[in-house]
Amino acid sequence: MEVVNELAIWGAFGLSGAGGIAIISFWMTLSSRLTTAELKAAMAERDAASAHTKYDGVIRDVSDYRVAVEVKIAIVKTLAEANTTSLTAAENRVARALEEVRDELSRFNERIDRAFADK
């Protein structure tokens, strides 16, 4: 009977050792998965920070471009107004010159008419 008790004790030790190995294996696998998850999270956080930095750069570039376009539009509007004013002034000068030419031609015609009327 003593042999049976010994076998039972050794069997119990063996089973408890197997259970202990299973528990240790479980915790080591869980720890490994947690470590892997933490590394992946850290890499994702780094990638997100990099993407955020790039996003800020793009937003800044777009804002700078918008300001540059607004400045160019303001310059074009100013030039258009100046050109409109210049063109209006030139049109007025041409109109006055044409009136003067018409007046001169009228006086010239009157002289010619008088010259033929005298003869």
C-alpha atoms as a PDB file:
ATOM      1  CA  MET A   1       0.000   0.000   0.000  1.00  0.00           C
ATOM      2  CA  GLU A   2       2.862   2.209   0.606  1.00  0.00           C
ATOM      3  CA  VAL A   3       3.807   2.009  -3.044  1.00  0.00           C
ATOM      4  CA  VAL A   4       0.338   3.085  -4.041  1.00  0.00           C
ATOM      5  CA  ASN A   5       0.508   6.064  -1.688  1.00  0.00           C
ATOM      6  CA  GLU A   6       3.888   6.986  -3.077  1.00  0.00           C
ATOM      7  CA  LEU A   7       2.615   6.718  -6.625  1.00  0.00           C
ATOM      8  CA  ALA A   8      -0.382   8.820  -5.702  1.00  0.00           C
ATOM      9  CA  ILE A   9       1.860  11.444  -4.114  1.00  0.00           C
ATOM     10  CA  TRP A  10       4.218  11.459  -7.107  1.00  0.00           C
ATOM     11  CA  GLY A  11       1.215  11.592  -9.442  1.00  0.00           C
ATOM     12  CA  ALA A  12      -0.179  14.530  -7.503  1.00  0.00           C
ATOM     13  CA  PHE A  13       3.208  16.280  -7.681  1.00  0.00           C
ATOM     14  CA  GLY A  14       3.353  15.593 -11.411  1.00  0.00           C
ATOM     15  CA  LEU A  15      -0.148  16.922 -11.994  1.00  0.00           C
ATOM     16  CA  SER A  16       0.470  19.960  -9.853  1.00  0.00           C
ATOM     17  CA  GLY A  17       3.722  20.538 -11.728  1.00  0.00           C
ATOM     18  CA  ALA A  18       1.856  20.269 -15.043  1.00  0.00           C
ATOM     19  CA  GLY A  19      -0.778  22.670 -13.722  1.00  0.00           C
ATOM     20  CA  GLY A  20       1.944  25.017 -12.569  1.00  0.00           C
ATOM     21  CA  ILE A  21       3.598  24.854 -15.988  1.00  0.00           C
ATOM     22  CA  ALA A  22       0.226  25.554 -17.621  1.00  0.00           C
ATOM     23  CA  ILE A  23      -0.339  28.560 -15.352  1.00  0.00           C
ATOM     24  CA  ILE A  24       3.187  29.858 -15.995  1.00  0.00           C
ATOM     25  CA  SER A  25       2.753  29.299 -19.721  1.00  0.00           C
ATOM     26  CA  PHE A  26      -0.579  31.168 -19.649  1.00  0.00           C
ATOM     27  CA  TRP A  27       0.901  34.192 -17.867  1.00  0.00           C
ATOM     28  CA  MET A  28       3.983  34.265 -20.094  1.00  0.00           C
ATOM     29  CA  THR A  29       1.830  34.169 -23.248  1.00  0.00           C
ATOM     30  CA  LEU A  30      -0.413  36.902 -21.852  1.00  0.00           C
ATOM     31  CA  SER A  31       2.622  38.979 -20.920  1.00  0.00           C
ATOM     32  CA  SER A  32       4.078  38.515 -24.396  1.00  0.00           C
ATOM     33  CA  ARG A  33       0.811  39.579 -26.026  1.00  0.00           C
ATOM     34  CA  LEU A  34       0.535  42.611 -23.758  1.00  0.00           C
ATOM     35  CA  THR A  35       4.117  43.615 -24.538  1.00  0.00           C
ATOM     36  CA  THR A  36       3.439  43.227 -28.263  1.00  0.00           C
ATOM     37  CA  ALA A  37       0.243  45.271 -27.934  1.00  0.00           C
ATOM     38  CA  GLU A  38       2.088  47.993 -26.029  1.00  0.00           C
ATOM     39  CA  LEU A  39       4.793  48.131 -28.721  1.00  0.00           C
ATOM     40  CA  LYS A  40       2.160  48.343 -31.455  1.00  0.00           C
ATOM     41  CA  ALA A  41       0.385  51.097 -29.520  1.00  0.00           C
ATOM     42  CA  ALA A  42       3.634  53.022 -29.120  1.00  0.00           C
ATOM     43  CA  MET A  43       4.362  52.686 -32.849  1.00  0.00           C
ATOM     44  CA  ALA A  44       0.810  53.817 -33.682  1.00  0.00           C
ATOM     45  CA  GLU A  45       1.198  56.801 -31.367  1.00  0.00           C
ATOM     46  CA  ARG A  46       4.496  57.738 -33.032  1.00  0.00           C
ATOM     47  CA  ASP A  47       2.918  57.397 -36.496  1.00  0.00           C
ATOM     48  CA  ALA A  48      -0.046  59.512 -35.388  1.00  0.00           C
ATOM     49  CA  ALA A  49       2.279  62.226 -34.087  1.00  0.00           C
ATOM     50  CA  SER A  50       4.179  62.193 -37.385  1.00  0.00           C
ATOM     51  CA  ALA A  51       0.923  62.394 -39.353  1.00  0.00           C
ATOM     52  CA  HIS A  52      -0.248  65.261 -37.142  1.00  0.00           C
ATOM     53  CA  THR A  53       2.990  67.138 -37.779  1.00  0.00           C
ATOM     54  CA  LYS A  54       2.602  66.623 -41.532  1.00  0.00           C
ATOM     55  CA  TYR A  55      -1.028  67.748 -41.314  1.00  0.00           C
ATOM     56  CA  ASP A  56       0.019  70.930 -39.496  1.00  0.00           C
ATOM     57  CA  GLY A  57       2.596  71.579 -42.230  1.00  0.00           C
ATOM     58  CA  VAL A  58       0.029  71.132 -44.976  1.00  0.00           C
ATOM     59  CA  ILE A  59      -2.451  73.409 -43.204  1.00  0.00           C
ATOM     60  CA  ARG A  60       0.269  76.042 -42.785  1.00  0.00           C
ATOM     61  CA  ASP A  61       1.230  75.765 -46.480  1.00  0.00           C
ATOM     62  CA  VAL A  62      -2.397  76.078 -47.575  1.00  0.00           C
ATOM     63  CA  SER A  63      -2.847  79.106 -45.342  1.00  0.00           C
ATOM     64  CA  ASP A  64       0.314  80.726 -46.723  1.00  0.00           C
ATOM     65  CA  TYR A  65      -0.854  80.005 -50.276  1.00  0.00           C
ATOM     66  CA  ARG A  66      -4.281  81.493 -49.535  1.00  0.00           C
ATOM     67  CA  VAL A  67      -2.675  84.674 -48.198  1.00  0.00           C
ATOM     68  CA  ALA A  68      -0.406  84.897 -51.266  1.00  0.00           C
ATOM     69  CA  VAL A  69      -3.391  84.479 -53.593  1.00  0.00           C
ATOM     70  CA  GLU A  70      -5.321  87.158 -51.717  1.00  0.00           C
ATOM     71  CA  VAL A  71      -2.380  89.546 -52.089  1.00  0.00           C
ATOM     72  CA  LYS A  72      -2.154  88.802 -55.816  1.00  0.00           C
ATOM     73  CA  ILE A  73      -5.899  89.330 -56.225  1.00  0.00           C
ATOM     74  CA  ALA A  74      -5.640  92.667 -54.417  1.00  0.00           C
ATOM     75  CA  ILE A  75      -2.789  93.699 -56.728  1.00  0.00           C
ATOM     76  CA  VAL A  76      -4.767  92.674 -59.820  1.00  0.00           C
ATOM     77  CA  LYS A  77      -7.831  94.607 -58.598  1.00  0.00           C
ATOM     78  CA  THR A  78      -5.696  97.685 -57.953  1.00  0.00           C
ATOM     79  CA  LEU A  79      -4.125  97.418 -61.405  1.00  0.00           C
ATOM     80  CA  ALA A  80      -7.530  96.904 -63.002  1.00  0.00           C
ATOM     81  CA  GLU A  81      -8.881 100.006 -61.267  1.00  0.00           C
ATOM     82  CA  ALA A  82      -5.814 101.995 -62.319  1.00  0.00           C
ATOM     83  CA  ASN A  83      -6.113 100.712 -65.882  1.00  0.00           C
ATOM     84  CA  THR A  84      -9.826 101.549 -65.937  1.00  0.00           C
ATOM     85  CA  THR A  85      -9.050 105.064 -64.756  1.00  0.00           C
ATOM     86  CA  SER A  86      -6.273 105.413 -67.339  1.00  0.00           C
ATOM     87  CA  LEU A  87      -8.458 104.063 -70.120  1.00  0.00           C
ATOM     88  CA  THR A  88     -11.288 106.421 -69.167  1.00  0.00           C
ATOM     89  CA  ALA A  89      -8.895 109.367 -69.186  1.00  0.00           C
ATOM     90  CA  ALA A  90      -7.478 108.281 -72.571  1.00  0.00           C
ATOM     91  CA  GLU A  91     -11.005 107.883 -73.968  1.00  0.00           C
ATOM     92  CA  ASN A  92     -11.875 111.392 -72.771  1.00  0.00           C
ATOM     93  CA  ARG A  93      -8.717 112.802 -74.395  1.00  0.00           C
ATOM     94  CA  VAL A  94      -9.506 111.048 -77.697  1.00  0.00           C
ATOM     95  CA  ALA A  95     -13.103 112.321 -77.573  1.00  0.00           C
ATOM     96  CA  ARG A  96     -11.886 115.921 -76.996  1.00  0.00           C
ATOM     97  CA  ALA A  97      -9.352 115.565 -79.797  1.00  0.00           C
ATOM     98  CA  LEU A  98     -12.063 114.324 -82.171  1.00  0.00           C
ATOM     99  CA  GLU A  99     -14.291 117.266 -81.205  1.00  0.00           C
ATOM    100  CA  GLU A 100     -11.421 119.659 -81.908  1.00  0.00           C
ATOM    101  CA  VAL A 101     -10.797 117.987 -85.285  1.00  0.00           C
ATOM    102  CA  ARG A 102     -14.542 118.260 -86.083  1.00  0.00           C
ATOM    103  CA  ASP A 103     -14.523 121.961 -85.097  1.00  0.00           C
ATOM    104  CA  GLU A 104     -11.416 122.558 -87.257  1.00  0.00           C
ATOM    105  CA  LEU A 105     -13.028 120.789 -90.217  1.00  0.00           C
ATOM    106  CA  SER A 106     -16.199 122.833 -89.746  1.00  0.00           C
ATOM    107  CA  ARG A 107     -14.178 126.085 -89.814  1.00  0.00           C
ATOM    108  CA  PHE A 108     -12.219 124.813 -92.829  1.00  0.00           C
ATOM    109  CA  ASN A 109     -15.474 124.042 -94.656  1.00  0.00           C
ATOM    110  CA  GLU A 110     -16.814 127.508 -93.813  1.00  0.00           C
ATOM    111  CA  ARG A 111     -13.684 129.112 -95.299  1.00  0.00           C
ATOM    112  CA  ILE A 112     -13.979 127.024 -98.424  1.00  0.00           C
ATOM    113  CA  ASP A 113     -17.660 127.932 -98.727  1.00  0.00           C
ATOM    114  CA  ARG A 114     -16.828 131.639 -98.350  1.00  0.00           C
ATOM    115  CA  ALA A 115     -14.043 131.328-100.909  1.00  0.00           C
ATOM    116  CA  PHE A 116     -16.428 129.834-103.483  1.00  0.00           C
ATOM    117  CA  ALA A 117     -19.212 132.224-102.525  1.00  0.00           C
ATOM    118  CA  ASP A 118     -16.957 135.251-103.179  1.00  0.00           C
ATOM    119  CA  LYS A 119     -16.191 134.164-106.705  1.00  0.00           C
END
